[in-house]
Amino acid sequence: MGHPSDGAIAALATEQHGAITTKLADRSFELDPKYMLANVKPSGERQFELSSTVCFDCGLPSEKKQQVDCRAQFDPANPAAPPAVTFLNFVW
């Protein structure tokens, strides 16, 4: 399997960021989408994984950084649809 297209990676990263934003709705955090894009890798049939770093309370004395691992899969029946997040794990 080759590398996903730029459009697929962008859609994946957008979906992943949305899932993270939903999960952390009550927290102050920053996530670098370019870093996420650089860390996307294929992991199966139309499935991709990525790891990124989330910074909580950036610039404050309480600042903490945590790794987040994500997995998403495109629907083979609807390849134009955004990928569904199938795994989201914060490594605390």
N, C-alpha and C. Protein backbone atom coordinates (compact mmCIF):
# COMPACT_ATOMS: atom_id res chain seq x y z
N MET A 1 0.86 -1.18 0.00
CA MET A 1 0.00 0.00 0.00
C MET A 1 0.90 1.23 0.00
N GLY A 2 0.58 2.22 -0.83
CA GLY A 2 1.38 3.44 -0.93
C GLY A 2 0.96 4.47 0.09
N HIS A 3 1.57 5.63 -0.03
CA HIS A 3 1.23 6.73 0.87
C HIS A 3 -0.14 7.29 0.50
N PRO A 4 -0.91 7.71 1.49
CA PRO A 4 -2.20 8.32 1.18
C PRO A 4 -2.01 9.65 0.48
N SER A 5 -3.01 10.07 -0.27
CA SER A 5 -2.93 11.36 -0.95
C SER A 5 -2.95 12.49 0.07
N ASP A 6 -2.51 13.66 -0.37
CA ASP A 6 -2.54 14.83 0.52
C ASP A 6 -3.96 15.09 1.01
N GLY A 7 -4.93 14.91 0.13
CA GLY A 7 -6.32 15.14 0.52
C GLY A 7 -6.76 14.17 1.60
N ALA A 8 -6.36 12.92 1.46
CA ALA A 8 -6.72 11.91 2.47
C ALA A 8 -6.07 12.22 3.80
N ILE A 9 -4.80 12.62 3.76
CA ILE A 9 -4.10 12.96 5.00
C ILE A 9 -4.75 14.18 5.66
N ALA A 10 -5.05 15.18 4.87
CA ALA A 10 -5.68 16.39 5.42
C ALA A 10 -7.03 16.06 6.04
N ALA A 11 -7.81 15.24 5.36
CA ALA A 11 -9.12 14.85 5.91
C ALA A 11 -8.93 14.06 7.19
N LEU A 12 -7.96 13.17 7.19
CA LEU A 12 -7.70 12.37 8.38
C LEU A 12 -7.29 13.25 9.55
N ALA A 13 -6.35 14.16 9.31
CA ALA A 13 -5.87 15.03 10.38
C ALA A 13 -6.99 15.92 10.91
N THR A 14 -7.82 16.42 10.01
CA THR A 14 -8.94 17.25 10.44
C THR A 14 -9.89 16.46 11.32
N GLU A 15 -10.18 15.24 10.91
CA GLU A 15 -11.09 14.40 11.69
C GLU A 15 -10.46 14.06 13.04
N GLN A 16 -9.18 13.74 13.03
CA GLN A 16 -8.50 13.41 14.29
C GLN A 16 -8.52 14.61 15.23
N HIS A 17 -8.22 15.80 14.68
CA HIS A 17 -8.22 17.00 15.51
C HIS A 17 -9.60 17.25 16.08
N GLY A 18 -10.64 17.02 15.26
CA GLY A 18 -12.01 17.18 15.75
C GLY A 18 -12.32 16.23 16.88
N ALA A 19 -11.87 14.99 16.77
CA ALA A 19 -12.11 14.00 17.83
C ALA A 19 -11.39 14.40 19.11
N ILE A 20 -10.18 14.90 18.98
CA ILE A 20 -9.42 15.33 20.15
C ILE A 20 -10.08 16.55 20.79
N THR A 21 -10.51 17.49 19.97
CA THR A 21 -11.16 18.69 20.47
C THR A 21 -12.44 18.33 21.24
N THR A 22 -13.20 17.39 20.72
CA THR A 22 -14.42 16.94 21.39
C THR A 22 -14.08 16.30 22.73
N LYS A 23 -13.07 15.45 22.75
CA LYS A 23 -12.68 14.75 23.97
C LYS A 23 -12.18 15.72 25.04
N LEU A 24 -11.52 16.79 24.62
CA LEU A 24 -10.90 17.73 25.56
C LEU A 24 -11.65 19.06 25.64
N ALA A 25 -12.93 19.05 25.40
CA ALA A 25 -13.73 20.28 25.31
C ALA A 25 -13.61 21.17 26.54
N ASP A 26 -13.39 20.60 27.70
CA ASP A 26 -13.33 21.41 28.93
C ASP A 26 -11.91 21.75 29.36
N ARG A 27 -10.91 21.48 28.51
CA ARG A 27 -9.51 21.73 28.85
C ARG A 27 -8.91 22.78 27.92
N SER A 28 -7.90 23.51 28.42
CA SER A 28 -7.13 24.44 27.61
C SER A 28 -5.96 23.66 27.01
N PHE A 29 -5.92 23.57 25.66
CA PHE A 29 -4.85 22.79 25.03
C PHE A 29 -4.50 23.33 23.66
N GLU A 30 -3.33 22.93 23.17
CA GLU A 30 -2.88 23.25 21.82
C GLU A 30 -2.41 21.98 21.16
N LEU A 31 -2.68 21.90 19.87
CA LEU A 31 -2.30 20.76 19.06
C LEU A 31 -1.79 21.29 17.73
N ASP A 32 -0.66 20.79 17.25
CA ASP A 32 -0.07 21.27 16.01
C ASP A 32 -0.52 20.40 14.83
N PRO A 33 -1.44 20.90 13.98
CA PRO A 33 -1.92 20.08 12.86
C PRO A 33 -0.81 19.70 11.87
N LYS A 34 0.19 20.55 11.69
CA LYS A 34 1.29 20.21 10.78
C LYS A 34 2.08 19.02 11.32
N TYR A 35 2.28 18.98 12.63
CA TYR A 35 2.97 17.84 13.25
C TYR A 35 2.14 16.57 13.07
N MET A 36 0.82 16.72 13.22
CA MET A 36 -0.06 15.57 13.02
C MET A 36 0.06 15.05 11.59
N LEU A 37 0.03 15.96 10.62
CA LEU A 37 0.14 15.57 9.21
C LEU A 37 1.45 14.84 8.93
N ALA A 38 2.51 15.29 9.57
CA ALA A 38 3.83 14.69 9.34
C ALA A 38 3.94 13.29 9.95
N ASN A 39 3.02 12.94 10.84
CA ASN A 39 3.11 11.67 11.55
C ASN A 39 2.00 10.68 11.19
N VAL A 40 1.36 10.87 10.06
CA VAL A 40 0.34 9.94 9.60
C VAL A 40 1.03 8.78 8.89
N LYS A 41 0.62 7.54 9.23
CA LYS A 41 1.17 6.39 8.52
C LYS A 41 0.07 5.35 8.29
N PRO A 42 0.13 4.67 7.14
CA PRO A 42 -0.85 3.63 6.85
C PRO A 42 -0.71 2.48 7.83
N SER A 43 -1.85 1.87 8.19
CA SER A 43 -1.80 0.74 9.12
C SER A 43 -2.75 -0.38 8.72
N GLY A 44 -3.30 -0.31 7.54
CA GLY A 44 -4.22 -1.35 7.07
C GLY A 44 -5.01 -0.85 5.89
N GLU A 45 -6.01 -1.59 5.54
CA GLU A 45 -6.85 -1.24 4.40
C GLU A 45 -7.58 0.07 4.66
N ARG A 46 -7.13 1.14 3.99
CA ARG A 46 -7.72 2.49 4.13
C ARG A 46 -7.78 2.92 5.60
N GLN A 47 -6.83 2.46 6.39
CA GLN A 47 -6.74 2.82 7.80
C GLN A 47 -5.38 3.47 8.05
N PHE A 48 -5.38 4.49 8.90
CA PHE A 48 -4.16 5.25 9.17
C PHE A 48 -4.02 5.49 10.67
N GLU A 49 -2.78 5.57 11.12
CA GLU A 49 -2.47 5.87 12.52
C GLU A 49 -1.63 7.12 12.59
N LEU A 50 -1.72 7.81 13.72
CA LEU A 50 -0.81 8.93 13.97
C LEU A 50 -0.65 9.12 15.46
N SER A 51 0.48 9.67 15.81
CA SER A 51 0.76 10.07 17.19
C SER A 51 1.10 11.55 17.15
N SER A 52 0.71 12.24 18.17
CA SER A 52 1.01 13.66 18.26
C SER A 52 1.17 14.02 19.73
N THR A 53 1.52 15.26 19.96
CA THR A 53 1.66 15.76 21.32
C THR A 53 0.63 16.85 21.56
N VAL A 54 -0.05 16.76 22.67
CA VAL A 54 -1.01 17.77 23.08
C VAL A 54 -0.38 18.54 24.23
N CYS A 55 -0.42 19.86 24.14
CA CYS A 55 0.11 20.71 25.21
C CYS A 55 -1.08 21.30 25.98
N PHE A 56 -1.16 20.99 27.26
CA PHE A 56 -2.20 21.53 28.13
C PHE A 56 -1.67 22.74 28.87
N ASP A 57 -2.47 23.78 28.98
CA ASP A 57 -2.10 25.01 29.68
C ASP A 57 -0.75 25.54 29.20
N CYS A 58 -0.56 25.59 27.89
CA CYS A 58 0.71 26.03 27.31
C CYS A 58 1.09 27.42 27.79
N GLY A 59 2.35 27.57 28.18
CA GLY A 59 2.87 28.86 28.62
C GLY A 59 2.57 29.19 30.07
N LEU A 60 1.83 28.33 30.74
CA LEU A 60 1.50 28.56 32.15
C LEU A 60 2.37 27.67 33.03
N PRO A 61 2.49 27.99 34.32
CA PRO A 61 3.28 27.14 35.20
C PRO A 61 2.75 25.70 35.27
N SER A 62 1.48 25.51 34.98
CA SER A 62 0.88 24.17 35.04
C SER A 62 0.97 23.41 33.70
N GLU A 63 1.78 23.93 32.75
CA GLU A 63 1.89 23.31 31.43
C GLU A 63 2.29 21.85 31.52
N LYS A 64 1.59 21.01 30.74
CA LYS A 64 1.91 19.58 30.64
C LYS A 64 1.77 19.18 29.19
N LYS A 65 2.61 18.24 28.76
CA LYS A 65 2.52 17.70 27.41
C LYS A 65 2.24 16.20 27.51
N GLN A 66 1.32 15.75 26.67
CA GLN A 66 0.94 14.34 26.65
C GLN A 66 0.89 13.86 25.21
N GLN A 67 1.20 12.61 25.02
CA GLN A 67 1.10 12.00 23.70
C GLN A 67 -0.34 11.54 23.49
N VAL A 68 -0.80 11.66 22.26
CA VAL A 68 -2.11 11.13 21.89
C VAL A 68 -1.90 10.25 20.66
N ASP A 69 -2.48 9.05 20.71
CA ASP A 69 -2.43 8.11 19.59
C ASP A 69 -3.83 7.98 19.02
N CYS A 70 -3.91 8.05 17.69
CA CYS A 70 -5.20 8.00 17.00
C CYS A 70 -5.14 6.99 15.88
N ARG A 71 -6.31 6.47 15.55
CA ARG A 71 -6.45 5.61 14.39
C ARG A 71 -7.77 5.97 13.72
N ALA A 72 -7.77 6.02 12.41
CA ALA A 72 -8.99 6.33 11.67
C ALA A 72 -9.03 5.49 10.41
N GLN A 73 -10.25 5.24 9.94
CA GLN A 73 -10.41 4.42 8.74
C GLN A 73 -11.43 5.06 7.81
N PHE A 74 -11.06 5.06 6.52
CA PHE A 74 -11.98 5.53 5.49
C PHE A 74 -12.96 4.41 5.16
N ASP A 75 -14.18 4.76 4.83
CA ASP A 75 -15.21 3.80 4.46
C ASP A 75 -15.01 3.40 3.00
N PRO A 76 -14.69 2.12 2.73
CA PRO A 76 -14.47 1.71 1.35
C PRO A 76 -15.72 1.90 0.47
N ALA A 77 -16.90 1.86 1.08
CA ALA A 77 -18.13 2.05 0.32
C ALA A 77 -18.38 3.52 -0.02
N ASN A 78 -17.72 4.42 0.71
CA ASN A 78 -17.88 5.85 0.48
C ASN A 78 -16.53 6.54 0.64
N PRO A 79 -15.63 6.36 -0.32
CA PRO A 79 -14.26 6.88 -0.18
C PRO A 79 -14.16 8.40 -0.06
N ALA A 80 -15.19 9.12 -0.48
CA ALA A 80 -15.16 10.58 -0.38
C ALA A 80 -15.51 11.08 1.02
N ALA A 81 -16.07 10.21 1.84
CA ALA A 81 -16.46 10.60 3.20
C ALA A 81 -15.23 10.75 4.08
N PRO A 82 -15.30 11.62 5.09
CA PRO A 82 -14.17 11.73 6.02
C PRO A 82 -14.00 10.41 6.79
N PRO A 83 -12.79 10.16 7.26
CA PRO A 83 -12.56 8.90 7.98
C PRO A 83 -13.25 8.92 9.34
N ALA A 84 -13.58 7.74 9.81
CA ALA A 84 -14.15 7.58 11.15
C ALA A 84 -13.01 7.28 12.12
N VAL A 85 -13.02 7.93 13.26
CA VAL A 85 -12.02 7.66 14.30
C VAL A 85 -12.39 6.34 14.96
N THR A 86 -11.46 5.40 14.92
CA THR A 86 -11.72 4.08 15.49
C THR A 86 -10.95 3.85 16.79
N PHE A 87 -10.02 4.77 17.09
CA PHE A 87 -9.19 4.63 18.30
C PHE A 87 -8.65 6.00 18.67
N LEU A 88 -8.74 6.36 19.93
CA LEU A 88 -8.19 7.62 20.43
C LEU A 88 -7.71 7.36 21.85
N ASN A 89 -6.41 7.48 22.07
CA ASN A 89 -5.84 7.16 23.37
C ASN A 89 -4.85 8.23 23.81
N PHE A 90 -5.06 8.77 25.00
CA PHE A 90 -4.14 9.71 25.59
C PHE A 90 -3.18 8.94 26.50
N VAL A 91 -1.89 9.10 26.25
CA VAL A 91 -0.88 8.41 27.03
C VAL A 91 -0.52 9.31 28.20
N TRP A 92 -1.17 9.12 29.33
CA TRP A 92 -0.97 9.95 30.52
C TRP A 92 0.17 9.38 31.29
